[in-house]
Amino acid sequence: MSPTVFIIDGYRFFFFSEEGTERPHIHIRKTRGLCKFWLIPAIKLAKSSNFKLFELKRIESIVIENREIFLGRWHEFFGR
């Protein structure tokens, strides 16, 4: 199961349900692109495949704008 937090500009922001033991992060997918951003202690790209630099910058700006929403949903979903 991978609950979707939301979709914006075609980017799907979601969690993998088996990753609750890791520190909070968000995965992003659009067509063949997939990346992961850490949410704490600071927003940081963890890994990426098939995204261009301009796409990663756009994704990062969305993550920055919505960090508190992602963290809230993370804690709600994983119960910690």
C-alpha atoms as a PDB file:
ATOM      1  CA  MET A   1       0.000   0.000   0.000  1.00  0.00           C
ATOM      2  CA  SER A   2       1.273   3.454  -0.823  1.00  0.00           C
ATOM      3  CA  PRO A   3      -1.086   6.190   0.350  1.00  0.00           C
ATOM      4  CA  THR A   4      -1.200   9.291  -1.823  1.00  0.00           C
ATOM      5  CA  VAL A   5      -1.005  12.602   0.022  1.00  0.00           C
ATOM      6  CA  PHE A   6      -1.948  14.580  -3.096  1.00  0.00           C
ATOM      7  CA  ILE A   7      -1.288  15.093  -6.783  1.00  0.00           C
ATOM      8  CA  ILE A   8      -0.179  18.473  -8.097  1.00  0.00           C
ATOM      9  CA  ASP A   9       0.971  19.336 -11.624  1.00  0.00           C
ATOM     10  CA  GLY A  10       0.859  15.609 -12.406  1.00  0.00           C
ATOM     11  CA  TYR A  11       3.312  14.771  -9.587  1.00  0.00           C
ATOM     12  CA  ARG A  12       2.020  12.153  -7.142  1.00  0.00           C
ATOM     13  CA  PHE A  13       3.273  12.647  -3.563  1.00  0.00           C
ATOM     14  CA  PHE A  14       3.036   9.456  -1.499  1.00  0.00           C
ATOM     15  CA  PHE A  15       4.494   7.121   1.150  1.00  0.00           C
ATOM     16  CA  PHE A  16       5.329   3.441   1.020  1.00  0.00           C
ATOM     17  CA  SER A  17       3.557   1.811   3.958  1.00  0.00           C
ATOM     18  CA  GLU A  18       6.533  -0.411   4.873  1.00  0.00           C
ATOM     19  CA  GLU A  19       8.913   2.548   5.382  1.00  0.00           C
ATOM     20  CA  GLY A  20       7.597   3.781   8.725  1.00  0.00           C
ATOM     21  CA  THR A  21      10.853   2.934  10.487  1.00  0.00           C
ATOM     22  CA  GLU A  22      12.757   5.475   8.384  1.00  0.00           C
ATOM     23  CA  ARG A  23      12.799   9.174   9.196  1.00  0.00           C
ATOM     24  CA  PRO A  24       9.937  11.122   7.588  1.00  0.00           C
ATOM     25  CA  HIS A  25      10.168  11.483   3.823  1.00  0.00           C
ATOM     26  CA  ILE A  26       7.983  11.748   0.748  1.00  0.00           C
ATOM     27  CA  HIS A  27       8.162   9.938  -2.583  1.00  0.00           C
ATOM     28  CA  ILE A  28       7.211  11.631  -5.820  1.00  0.00           C
ATOM     29  CA  ARG A  29       6.311   9.957  -9.119  1.00  0.00           C
ATOM     30  CA  LYS A  30       5.398  11.315 -12.531  1.00  0.00           C
ATOM     31  CA  THR A  31       5.387   9.013 -15.574  1.00  0.00           C
ATOM     32  CA  ARG A  32       8.824   7.306 -15.424  1.00  0.00           C
ATOM     33  CA  GLY A  33      10.363   9.684 -12.861  1.00  0.00           C
ATOM     34  CA  LEU A  34      10.659   8.786  -9.196  1.00  0.00           C
ATOM     35  CA  CYS A  35      12.379  10.610  -6.358  1.00  0.00           C
ATOM     36  CA  LYS A  36      12.443  10.801  -2.575  1.00  0.00           C
ATOM     37  CA  PHE A  37      12.909  13.823  -0.315  1.00  0.00           C
ATOM     38  CA  TRP A  38      13.775  13.712   3.372  1.00  0.00           C
ATOM     39  CA  LEU A  39      11.535  16.021   5.399  1.00  0.00           C
ATOM     40  CA  ILE A  40      13.638  16.241   8.566  1.00  0.00           C
ATOM     41  CA  PRO A  41      15.941  17.519   9.887  1.00  0.00           C
ATOM     42  CA  ALA A  42      15.892  19.541   6.649  1.00  0.00           C
ATOM     43  CA  ILE A  43      14.358  19.037   3.229  1.00  0.00           C
ATOM     44  CA  LYS A  44      16.925  17.182   1.155  1.00  0.00           C
ATOM     45  CA  LEU A  45      16.841  15.077  -1.992  1.00  0.00           C
ATOM     46  CA  ALA A  46      17.528  11.464  -0.996  1.00  0.00           C
ATOM     47  CA  LYS A  47      17.456   9.870  -4.451  1.00  0.00           C
ATOM     48  CA  SER A  48      16.118  10.439  -7.920  1.00  0.00           C
ATOM     49  CA  SER A  49      15.751   8.691 -11.241  1.00  0.00           C
ATOM     50  CA  ASN A  50      14.510   9.968 -14.585  1.00  0.00           C
ATOM     51  CA  PHE A  51      13.788  13.548 -13.489  1.00  0.00           C
ATOM     52  CA  LYS A  52      15.503  16.527 -15.076  1.00  0.00           C
ATOM     53  CA  LEU A  53      17.058  19.216 -12.899  1.00  0.00           C
ATOM     54  CA  PHE A  54      14.274  21.725 -13.596  1.00  0.00           C
ATOM     55  CA  GLU A  55      11.710  19.096 -12.518  1.00  0.00           C
ATOM     56  CA  LEU A  56      13.584  18.391  -9.294  1.00  0.00           C
ATOM     57  CA  LYS A  57      13.669  22.110  -8.522  1.00  0.00           C
ATOM     58  CA  ARG A  58       9.898  22.325  -9.073  1.00  0.00           C
ATOM     59  CA  ILE A  59       9.304  19.249  -6.910  1.00  0.00           C
ATOM     60  CA  GLU A  60      11.551  20.620  -4.179  1.00  0.00           C
ATOM     61  CA  SER A  61       9.593  23.885  -4.129  1.00  0.00           C
ATOM     62  CA  ILE A  62       6.343  21.917  -3.736  1.00  0.00           C
ATOM     63  CA  VAL A  63       7.892  19.892  -0.898  1.00  0.00           C
ATOM     64  CA  ILE A  64       9.058  23.082   0.836  1.00  0.00           C
ATOM     65  CA  GLU A  65       5.609  24.667   0.510  1.00  0.00           C
ATOM     66  CA  ASN A  66       3.854  21.557   1.845  1.00  0.00           C
ATOM     67  CA  ARG A  67       6.355  20.181   4.364  1.00  0.00           C
ATOM     68  CA  GLU A  68       4.003  20.544   7.332  1.00  0.00           C
ATOM     69  CA  ILE A  69       1.204  18.761   5.485  1.00  0.00           C
ATOM     70  CA  PHE A  70       3.544  15.891   4.570  1.00  0.00           C
ATOM     71  CA  LEU A  71       4.828  15.623   8.150  1.00  0.00           C
ATOM     72  CA  GLY A  72       1.297  15.655   9.539  1.00  0.00           C
ATOM     73  CA  ARG A  73       0.168  12.934   7.170  1.00  0.00           C
ATOM     74  CA  TRP A  74       3.337  10.914   7.921  1.00  0.00           C
ATOM     75  CA  HIS A  75       2.693  10.999  11.668  1.00  0.00           C
ATOM     76  CA  GLU A  76      -1.013  10.297  11.144  1.00  0.00           C
ATOM     77  CA  PHE A  77      -0.331   7.298   8.897  1.00  0.00           C
ATOM     78  CA  PHE A  78       2.581   5.769  10.821  1.00  0.00           C
ATOM     79  CA  GLY A  79       1.307   6.727  14.279  1.00  0.00           C
ATOM     80  CA  ARG A  80       4.515   8.312  15.501  1.00  0.00           C
END
